[in-house]
Amino acid sequence: MNVFFEGPVLWSQIDANMHLRHSAYADFAAQARLTLLEHVGLDASHFVQLQLGPILFREELFYHREIGPNDKVRVTCELTKCRADASRWSIKHEIFRSDGTKSATVLVDGAWIDTRKRKLTGLPADLLEKFKGIPRSEDFVEEPV
């Protein structure tokens, strides 16, 4: 299992129905993606220096089971689809509560943006090689450029 985030559910993440609020699932997935990138050697300092960053086009959440106050979550990440040059990509996250129950699936589609030009771009060759180290799903699809 490719776990890239583990942590507690905070009181501020609980809604009026006493379970994890909807946007907290997306926050956990985003934190897991950041850790995933750092795991393959793409830390935030690279992106700041290159004025490059990830951008999302789509984020879709599927809720399976509730997560309550003071629980702990584990979040997995896998690359499900990617262009050969990694200019566009899709990642699947699964969020599990402490008893091992899958509570949510988060799917995102993204790309890279040049933060100066505000235009989509690819990764430099050295970062592309690191990006290729991201764990892939069993049904991974590589798309042509």
N, C-alpha and C. Protein backbone atom coordinates (compact mmCIF):
# COMPACT_ATOMS: atom_id res chain seq x y z
N MET A 1 0.85 -1.18 0.00
CA MET A 1 0.00 0.00 0.00
C MET A 1 0.90 1.24 0.00
N ASN A 2 0.63 2.17 -0.86
CA ASN A 2 1.43 3.39 -1.02
C ASN A 2 0.88 4.52 -0.16
N VAL A 3 1.11 4.44 1.15
CA VAL A 3 0.60 5.44 2.09
C VAL A 3 1.54 6.64 2.09
N PHE A 4 0.98 7.82 1.82
CA PHE A 4 1.77 9.05 1.79
C PHE A 4 1.32 10.09 2.80
N PHE A 5 0.27 9.79 3.55
CA PHE A 5 -0.11 10.67 4.66
C PHE A 5 -0.80 9.82 5.71
N GLU A 6 -0.43 10.08 6.97
CA GLU A 6 -1.12 9.50 8.12
C GLU A 6 -1.26 10.61 9.14
N GLY A 7 -2.46 10.76 9.69
CA GLY A 7 -2.63 11.81 10.68
C GLY A 7 -3.99 11.78 11.33
N PRO A 8 -4.13 12.59 12.36
CA PRO A 8 -5.39 12.63 13.11
C PRO A 8 -6.43 13.52 12.44
N VAL A 9 -7.67 13.22 12.73
CA VAL A 9 -8.77 14.10 12.35
C VAL A 9 -8.86 15.16 13.44
N LEU A 10 -8.83 16.41 13.04
CA LEU A 10 -8.90 17.52 13.99
C LEU A 10 -10.35 17.95 14.21
N TRP A 11 -10.61 18.53 15.35
CA TRP A 11 -11.96 19.02 15.66
C TRP A 11 -12.44 20.00 14.58
N SER A 12 -11.54 20.82 14.09
CA SER A 12 -11.91 21.81 13.07
C SER A 12 -12.32 21.17 11.74
N GLN A 13 -12.08 19.88 11.58
CA GLN A 13 -12.44 19.17 10.35
C GLN A 13 -13.77 18.43 10.47
N ILE A 14 -14.44 18.59 11.60
CA ILE A 14 -15.70 17.89 11.85
C ILE A 14 -16.88 18.82 11.53
N ASP A 15 -17.90 18.25 10.89
CA ASP A 15 -19.08 19.06 10.54
C ASP A 15 -20.19 18.91 11.58
N ALA A 16 -21.32 19.52 11.32
CA ALA A 16 -22.44 19.52 12.28
C ALA A 16 -23.02 18.12 12.51
N ASN A 17 -22.77 17.18 11.60
CA ASN A 17 -23.25 15.81 11.75
C ASN A 17 -22.26 14.91 12.47
N MET A 18 -21.20 15.53 13.01
CA MET A 18 -20.18 14.83 13.79
C MET A 18 -19.37 13.83 12.97
N HIS A 19 -19.13 14.18 11.71
CA HIS A 19 -18.18 13.40 10.93
C HIS A 19 -17.34 14.34 10.07
N LEU A 20 -16.32 13.78 9.46
CA LEU A 20 -15.37 14.57 8.68
C LEU A 20 -16.10 15.37 7.62
N ARG A 21 -15.85 16.70 7.59
CA ARG A 21 -16.52 17.55 6.60
C ARG A 21 -15.98 17.24 5.21
N HIS A 22 -16.79 17.53 4.21
CA HIS A 22 -16.48 17.13 2.83
C HIS A 22 -15.14 17.67 2.34
N SER A 23 -14.81 18.91 2.62
CA SER A 23 -13.58 19.50 2.08
C SER A 23 -12.32 18.97 2.76
N ALA A 24 -12.46 18.38 3.94
CA ALA A 24 -11.29 17.82 4.64
C ALA A 24 -10.73 16.62 3.88
N TYR A 25 -11.58 15.87 3.18
CA TYR A 25 -11.09 14.75 2.37
C TYR A 25 -10.14 15.27 1.29
N ALA A 26 -10.52 16.35 0.64
CA ALA A 26 -9.68 16.94 -0.40
C ALA A 26 -8.38 17.47 0.20
N ASP A 27 -8.46 18.03 1.40
CA ASP A 27 -7.25 18.53 2.07
C ASP A 27 -6.28 17.39 2.38
N PHE A 28 -6.81 16.26 2.87
CA PHE A 28 -5.95 15.11 3.14
C PHE A 28 -5.30 14.60 1.85
N ALA A 29 -6.06 14.56 0.77
CA ALA A 29 -5.51 14.10 -0.51
C ALA A 29 -4.41 15.05 -1.00
N ALA A 30 -4.63 16.35 -0.87
CA ALA A 30 -3.62 17.33 -1.30
C ALA A 30 -2.34 17.17 -0.50
N GLN A 31 -2.45 16.95 0.81
CA GLN A 31 -1.26 16.76 1.63
C GLN A 31 -0.52 15.49 1.21
N ALA A 32 -1.28 14.44 0.92
CA ALA A 32 -0.66 13.19 0.47
C ALA A 32 0.08 13.39 -0.85
N ARG A 33 -0.50 14.18 -1.78
CA ARG A 33 0.19 14.44 -3.06
C ARG A 33 1.50 15.18 -2.84
N LEU A 34 1.50 16.15 -1.95
CA LEU A 34 2.73 16.89 -1.66
C LEU A 34 3.80 15.94 -1.11
N THR A 35 3.41 15.07 -0.20
CA THR A 35 4.35 14.09 0.36
C THR A 35 4.80 13.11 -0.72
N LEU A 36 3.89 12.71 -1.59
CA LEU A 36 4.23 11.83 -2.71
C LEU A 36 5.31 12.46 -3.59
N LEU A 37 5.14 13.73 -3.94
CA LEU A 37 6.14 14.41 -4.77
C LEU A 37 7.49 14.48 -4.06
N GLU A 38 7.47 14.79 -2.78
CA GLU A 38 8.72 14.83 -2.01
C GLU A 38 9.36 13.45 -1.94
N HIS A 39 8.55 12.41 -1.86
CA HIS A 39 9.06 11.03 -1.79
C HIS A 39 9.89 10.67 -3.02
N VAL A 40 9.50 11.19 -4.19
CA VAL A 40 10.25 10.88 -5.41
C VAL A 40 11.32 11.94 -5.71
N GLY A 41 11.52 12.87 -4.78
CA GLY A 41 12.57 13.87 -4.95
C GLY A 41 12.13 15.18 -5.54
N LEU A 42 10.84 15.43 -5.58
CA LEU A 42 10.31 16.68 -6.12
C LEU A 42 9.77 17.53 -4.98
N ASP A 43 10.67 18.14 -4.22
CA ASP A 43 10.19 18.93 -3.09
C ASP A 43 9.81 20.34 -3.55
N ALA A 44 9.10 21.02 -2.70
CA ALA A 44 8.54 22.33 -3.03
C ALA A 44 9.61 23.33 -3.44
N SER A 45 10.83 23.21 -2.93
CA SER A 45 11.89 24.17 -3.29
C SER A 45 12.23 24.09 -4.78
N HIS A 46 12.15 22.89 -5.38
CA HIS A 46 12.37 22.77 -6.83
C HIS A 46 11.37 23.64 -7.59
N PHE A 47 10.11 23.53 -7.18
CA PHE A 47 9.05 24.24 -7.89
C PHE A 47 9.17 25.74 -7.72
N VAL A 48 9.53 26.19 -6.53
CA VAL A 48 9.70 27.63 -6.29
C VAL A 48 10.83 28.18 -7.17
N GLN A 49 11.96 27.48 -7.18
CA GLN A 49 13.11 27.92 -7.96
C GLN A 49 12.79 27.98 -9.45
N LEU A 50 12.07 26.99 -9.95
CA LEU A 50 11.75 26.91 -11.37
C LEU A 50 10.49 27.69 -11.75
N GLN A 51 9.83 28.25 -10.76
CA GLN A 51 8.54 28.92 -10.96
C GLN A 51 7.59 28.02 -11.74
N LEU A 52 7.43 26.84 -11.16
CA LEU A 52 6.64 25.78 -11.75
C LEU A 52 5.80 25.15 -10.64
N GLY A 53 4.61 24.73 -10.98
CA GLY A 53 3.79 24.09 -9.96
C GLY A 53 2.71 23.22 -10.55
N PRO A 54 2.17 22.32 -9.72
CA PRO A 54 1.05 21.49 -10.17
C PRO A 54 -0.25 22.29 -10.15
N ILE A 55 -1.12 21.94 -11.07
CA ILE A 55 -2.44 22.57 -11.15
C ILE A 55 -3.47 21.47 -11.39
N LEU A 56 -4.63 21.60 -10.77
CA LEU A 56 -5.69 20.60 -10.94
C LEU A 56 -6.76 21.11 -11.90
N PHE A 57 -7.23 20.21 -12.74
CA PHE A 57 -8.36 20.49 -13.63
C PHE A 57 -9.65 19.89 -13.09
N ARG A 58 -9.48 18.79 -12.36
CA ARG A 58 -10.66 18.07 -11.86
C ARG A 58 -10.30 17.40 -10.55
N GLU A 59 -11.24 17.44 -9.62
CA GLU A 59 -11.11 16.71 -8.37
C GLU A 59 -12.48 16.11 -8.08
N GLU A 60 -12.51 14.79 -7.96
CA GLU A 60 -13.77 14.08 -7.76
C GLU A 60 -13.65 13.21 -6.52
N LEU A 61 -14.63 13.31 -5.62
CA LEU A 61 -14.61 12.55 -4.38
C LEU A 61 -15.78 11.57 -4.34
N PHE A 62 -15.46 10.35 -3.91
CA PHE A 62 -16.47 9.32 -3.69
C PHE A 62 -16.40 8.97 -2.20
N TYR A 63 -17.52 9.12 -1.53
CA TYR A 63 -17.57 8.86 -0.09
C TYR A 63 -18.10 7.44 0.12
N HIS A 64 -17.36 6.65 0.92
CA HIS A 64 -17.75 5.27 1.15
C HIS A 64 -18.25 5.05 2.58
N ARG A 65 -17.49 5.54 3.56
CA ARG A 65 -17.85 5.37 4.98
C ARG A 65 -17.45 6.62 5.74
N GLU A 66 -18.20 6.93 6.79
CA GLU A 66 -17.92 8.12 7.59
C GLU A 66 -16.63 7.98 8.39
N ILE A 67 -16.01 9.12 8.65
CA ILE A 67 -14.87 9.22 9.55
C ILE A 67 -15.28 10.16 10.67
N GLY A 68 -15.03 9.78 11.90
CA GLY A 68 -15.49 10.57 13.03
C GLY A 68 -14.39 11.34 13.73
N PRO A 69 -14.78 12.10 14.76
CA PRO A 69 -13.81 12.88 15.53
C PRO A 69 -12.75 11.98 16.17
N ASN A 70 -11.54 12.51 16.27
CA ASN A 70 -10.42 11.84 16.93
C ASN A 70 -9.98 10.54 16.26
N ASP A 71 -10.48 10.27 15.06
CA ASP A 71 -10.00 9.10 14.33
C ASP A 71 -8.66 9.47 13.69
N LYS A 72 -8.00 8.50 13.11
CA LYS A 72 -6.78 8.73 12.37
C LYS A 72 -7.02 8.25 10.95
N VAL A 73 -6.39 8.91 9.98
CA VAL A 73 -6.56 8.51 8.58
C VAL A 73 -5.22 8.16 7.96
N ARG A 74 -5.29 7.31 6.95
CA ARG A 74 -4.14 6.98 6.09
C ARG A 74 -4.58 7.25 4.66
N VAL A 75 -3.71 7.88 3.88
CA VAL A 75 -4.05 8.24 2.51
C VAL A 75 -3.01 7.64 1.56
N THR A 76 -3.51 6.89 0.57
CA THR A 76 -2.63 6.32 -0.44
C THR A 76 -2.70 7.16 -1.71
N CYS A 77 -1.66 7.05 -2.53
CA CYS A 77 -1.62 7.74 -3.83
C CYS A 77 -1.04 6.80 -4.87
N GLU A 78 -1.65 6.81 -6.06
CA GLU A 78 -1.13 6.07 -7.21
C GLU A 78 -1.42 6.86 -8.47
N LEU A 79 -0.47 6.85 -9.37
CA LEU A 79 -0.65 7.45 -10.69
C LEU A 79 -1.51 6.49 -11.50
N THR A 80 -2.63 6.98 -12.05
CA THR A 80 -3.52 6.11 -12.82
C THR A 80 -3.40 6.35 -14.32
N LYS A 81 -2.97 7.58 -14.67
CA LYS A 81 -2.87 7.93 -16.09
C LYS A 81 -1.84 9.04 -16.19
N CYS A 82 -1.09 9.02 -17.30
CA CYS A 82 -0.08 10.05 -17.47
C CYS A 82 0.34 10.09 -18.94
N ARG A 83 0.55 11.29 -19.46
CA ARG A 83 1.16 11.40 -20.78
C ARG A 83 2.62 10.97 -20.67
N ALA A 84 3.17 10.52 -21.76
CA ALA A 84 4.55 10.04 -21.76
C ALA A 84 5.53 11.10 -21.25
N ASP A 85 5.22 12.37 -21.50
CA ASP A 85 6.10 13.46 -21.04
C ASP A 85 5.69 14.01 -19.69
N ALA A 86 4.69 13.38 -19.05
CA ALA A 86 4.16 13.76 -17.74
C ALA A 86 3.57 15.17 -17.71
N SER A 87 3.22 15.70 -18.86
CA SER A 87 2.63 17.04 -18.89
C SER A 87 1.20 17.05 -18.35
N ARG A 88 0.52 15.94 -18.44
CA ARG A 88 -0.82 15.76 -17.86
C ARG A 88 -0.81 14.43 -17.11
N TRP A 89 -1.55 14.38 -16.00
CA TRP A 89 -1.52 13.19 -15.17
C TRP A 89 -2.79 13.07 -14.35
N SER A 90 -3.03 11.87 -13.86
CA SER A 90 -4.17 11.59 -12.99
C SER A 90 -3.68 10.76 -11.81
N ILE A 91 -4.18 11.08 -10.63
CA ILE A 91 -3.79 10.38 -9.40
C ILE A 91 -5.04 9.95 -8.66
N LYS A 92 -4.98 8.71 -8.15
CA LYS A 92 -6.07 8.18 -7.30
C LYS A 92 -5.56 8.13 -5.87
N HIS A 93 -6.38 8.64 -4.96
CA HIS A 93 -6.10 8.59 -3.52
C HIS A 93 -7.20 7.74 -2.89
N GLU A 94 -6.82 6.94 -1.92
CA GLU A 94 -7.81 6.24 -1.12
C GLU A 94 -7.56 6.63 0.33
N ILE A 95 -8.64 6.98 1.02
CA ILE A 95 -8.55 7.43 2.41
C ILE A 95 -9.17 6.35 3.29
N PHE A 96 -8.37 5.89 4.25
CA PHE A 96 -8.78 4.84 5.17
C PHE A 96 -8.83 5.39 6.58
N ARG A 97 -9.84 4.98 7.34
CA ARG A 97 -9.87 5.34 8.75
C ARG A 97 -9.02 4.32 9.52
N SER A 98 -8.85 4.56 10.82
CA SER A 98 -7.90 3.77 11.61
C SER A 98 -8.23 2.29 11.69
N ASP A 99 -9.49 1.90 11.52
CA ASP A 99 -9.84 0.48 11.56
C ASP A 99 -9.61 -0.22 10.22
N GLY A 100 -9.05 0.52 9.24
CA GLY A 100 -8.74 -0.06 7.94
C GLY A 100 -9.84 0.06 6.91
N THR A 101 -10.98 0.61 7.29
CA THR A 101 -12.11 0.77 6.38
C THR A 101 -11.82 1.88 5.37
N LYS A 102 -12.02 1.56 4.08
CA LYS A 102 -11.87 2.61 3.06
C LYS A 102 -13.04 3.56 3.17
N SER A 103 -12.74 4.83 3.40
CA SER A 103 -13.77 5.83 3.63
C SER A 103 -14.05 6.72 2.43
N ALA A 104 -13.05 6.89 1.56
CA ALA A 104 -13.25 7.76 0.41
C ALA A 104 -12.22 7.44 -0.67
N THR A 105 -12.58 7.77 -1.89
CA THR A 105 -11.67 7.73 -3.03
C THR A 105 -11.68 9.13 -3.63
N VAL A 106 -10.50 9.67 -3.88
CA VAL A 106 -10.36 11.00 -4.47
C VAL A 106 -9.58 10.84 -5.77
N LEU A 107 -10.16 11.31 -6.87
CA LEU A 107 -9.51 11.26 -8.18
C LEU A 107 -9.20 12.67 -8.63
N VAL A 108 -7.97 12.90 -9.07
CA VAL A 108 -7.61 14.23 -9.57
C VAL A 108 -6.95 14.10 -10.94
N ASP A 109 -7.18 15.10 -11.78
CA ASP A 109 -6.49 15.24 -13.06
C ASP A 109 -5.74 16.55 -12.99
N GLY A 110 -4.47 16.52 -13.38
CA GLY A 110 -3.67 17.73 -13.28
C GLY A 110 -2.62 17.86 -14.36
N ALA A 111 -1.85 18.92 -14.23
CA ALA A 111 -0.78 19.25 -15.17
C ALA A 111 0.21 20.16 -14.44
N TRP A 112 1.15 20.69 -15.18
CA TRP A 112 2.16 21.61 -14.64
C TRP A 112 1.96 22.98 -15.25
N ILE A 113 2.14 24.02 -14.43
CA ILE A 113 1.97 25.39 -14.91
C ILE A 113 3.24 26.19 -14.62
N ASP A 114 3.62 27.00 -15.60
CA ASP A 114 4.70 27.97 -15.42
C ASP A 114 4.05 29.14 -14.69
N THR A 115 4.45 29.37 -13.45
CA THR A 115 3.78 30.38 -12.63
C THR A 115 4.10 31.81 -13.05
N ARG A 116 5.15 32.00 -13.82
CA ARG A 116 5.45 33.35 -14.37
C ARG A 116 4.55 33.64 -15.55
N LYS A 117 4.54 32.73 -16.51
CA LYS A 117 3.79 32.93 -17.76
C LYS A 117 2.31 32.60 -17.63
N ARG A 118 1.96 31.88 -16.54
CA ARG A 118 0.58 31.41 -16.33
C ARG A 118 0.13 30.55 -17.50
N LYS A 119 1.04 29.69 -17.97
CA LYS A 119 0.74 28.78 -19.09
C LYS A 119 1.18 27.38 -18.71
N LEU A 120 0.47 26.41 -19.27
CA LEU A 120 0.84 25.03 -19.02
C LEU A 120 2.20 24.74 -19.62
N THR A 121 2.93 23.83 -18.98
CA THR A 121 4.28 23.50 -19.41
C THR A 121 4.58 22.05 -19.03
N GLY A 122 5.72 21.58 -19.48
CA GLY A 122 6.18 20.25 -19.10
C GLY A 122 7.22 20.36 -17.99
N LEU A 123 7.71 19.22 -17.56
CA LEU A 123 8.77 19.19 -16.56
C LEU A 123 10.13 19.16 -17.22
N PRO A 124 11.13 19.81 -16.63
CA PRO A 124 12.51 19.65 -17.13
C PRO A 124 12.90 18.17 -17.04
N ALA A 125 13.84 17.75 -17.87
CA ALA A 125 14.22 16.33 -17.98
C ALA A 125 14.56 15.70 -16.64
N ASP A 126 15.31 16.40 -15.78
CA ASP A 126 15.71 15.81 -14.49
C ASP A 126 14.51 15.59 -13.58
N LEU A 127 13.54 16.51 -13.60
CA LEU A 127 12.34 16.33 -12.77
C LEU A 127 11.41 15.28 -13.38
N LEU A 128 11.40 15.18 -14.70
CA LEU A 128 10.58 14.17 -15.37
C LEU A 128 11.03 12.77 -14.94
N GLU A 129 12.32 12.55 -14.86
CA GLU A 129 12.84 11.25 -14.41
C GLU A 129 12.40 10.94 -12.98
N LYS A 130 12.41 11.94 -12.13
CA LYS A 130 11.96 11.74 -10.75
C LYS A 130 10.46 11.45 -10.72
N PHE A 131 9.68 12.18 -11.52
CA PHE A 131 8.23 12.00 -11.57
C PHE A 131 7.88 10.57 -11.96
N LYS A 132 8.69 9.97 -12.82
CA LYS A 132 8.44 8.59 -13.26
C LYS A 132 8.56 7.58 -12.12
N GLY A 133 9.08 8.01 -10.98
CA GLY A 133 9.20 7.14 -9.81
C GLY A 133 7.94 7.04 -8.98
N ILE A 134 6.89 7.76 -9.36
CA ILE A 134 5.63 7.70 -8.61
C ILE A 134 5.00 6.32 -8.79
N PRO A 135 4.52 5.73 -7.69
CA PRO A 135 3.85 4.42 -7.80
C PRO A 135 2.66 4.50 -8.76
N ARG A 136 2.51 3.42 -9.54
CA ARG A 136 1.44 3.37 -10.54
C ARG A 136 0.39 2.34 -10.15
N SER A 137 -0.84 2.63 -10.52
CA SER A 137 -1.93 1.70 -10.24
C SER A 137 -1.81 0.48 -11.16
N GLU A 138 -2.51 -0.59 -10.79
CA GLU A 138 -2.50 -1.80 -11.62
C GLU A 138 -3.07 -1.53 -13.01
N ASP A 139 -4.01 -0.59 -13.10
CA ASP A 139 -4.64 -0.29 -14.38
C ASP A 139 -4.07 0.98 -15.02
N PHE A 140 -2.82 1.33 -14.67
CA PHE A 140 -2.17 2.53 -15.19
C PHE A 140 -2.20 2.57 -16.71
N VAL A 141 -2.45 3.77 -17.26
CA VAL A 141 -2.48 3.98 -18.70
C VAL A 141 -1.51 5.12 -19.04
N GLU A 142 -0.58 4.84 -19.97
CA GLU A 142 0.29 5.91 -20.47
C GLU A 142 -0.30 6.39 -21.78
N GLU A 143 -0.52 7.70 -21.85
CA GLU A 143 -1.12 8.29 -23.05
C GLU A 143 -0.03 8.91 -23.91
N PRO A 144 -0.24 8.97 -25.21
CA PRO A 144 0.74 9.64 -26.08
C PRO A 144 0.75 11.14 -25.82
N VAL A 145 1.82 11.77 -26.20
CA VAL A 145 1.97 13.22 -26.01
C VAL A 145 1.11 13.96 -26.99
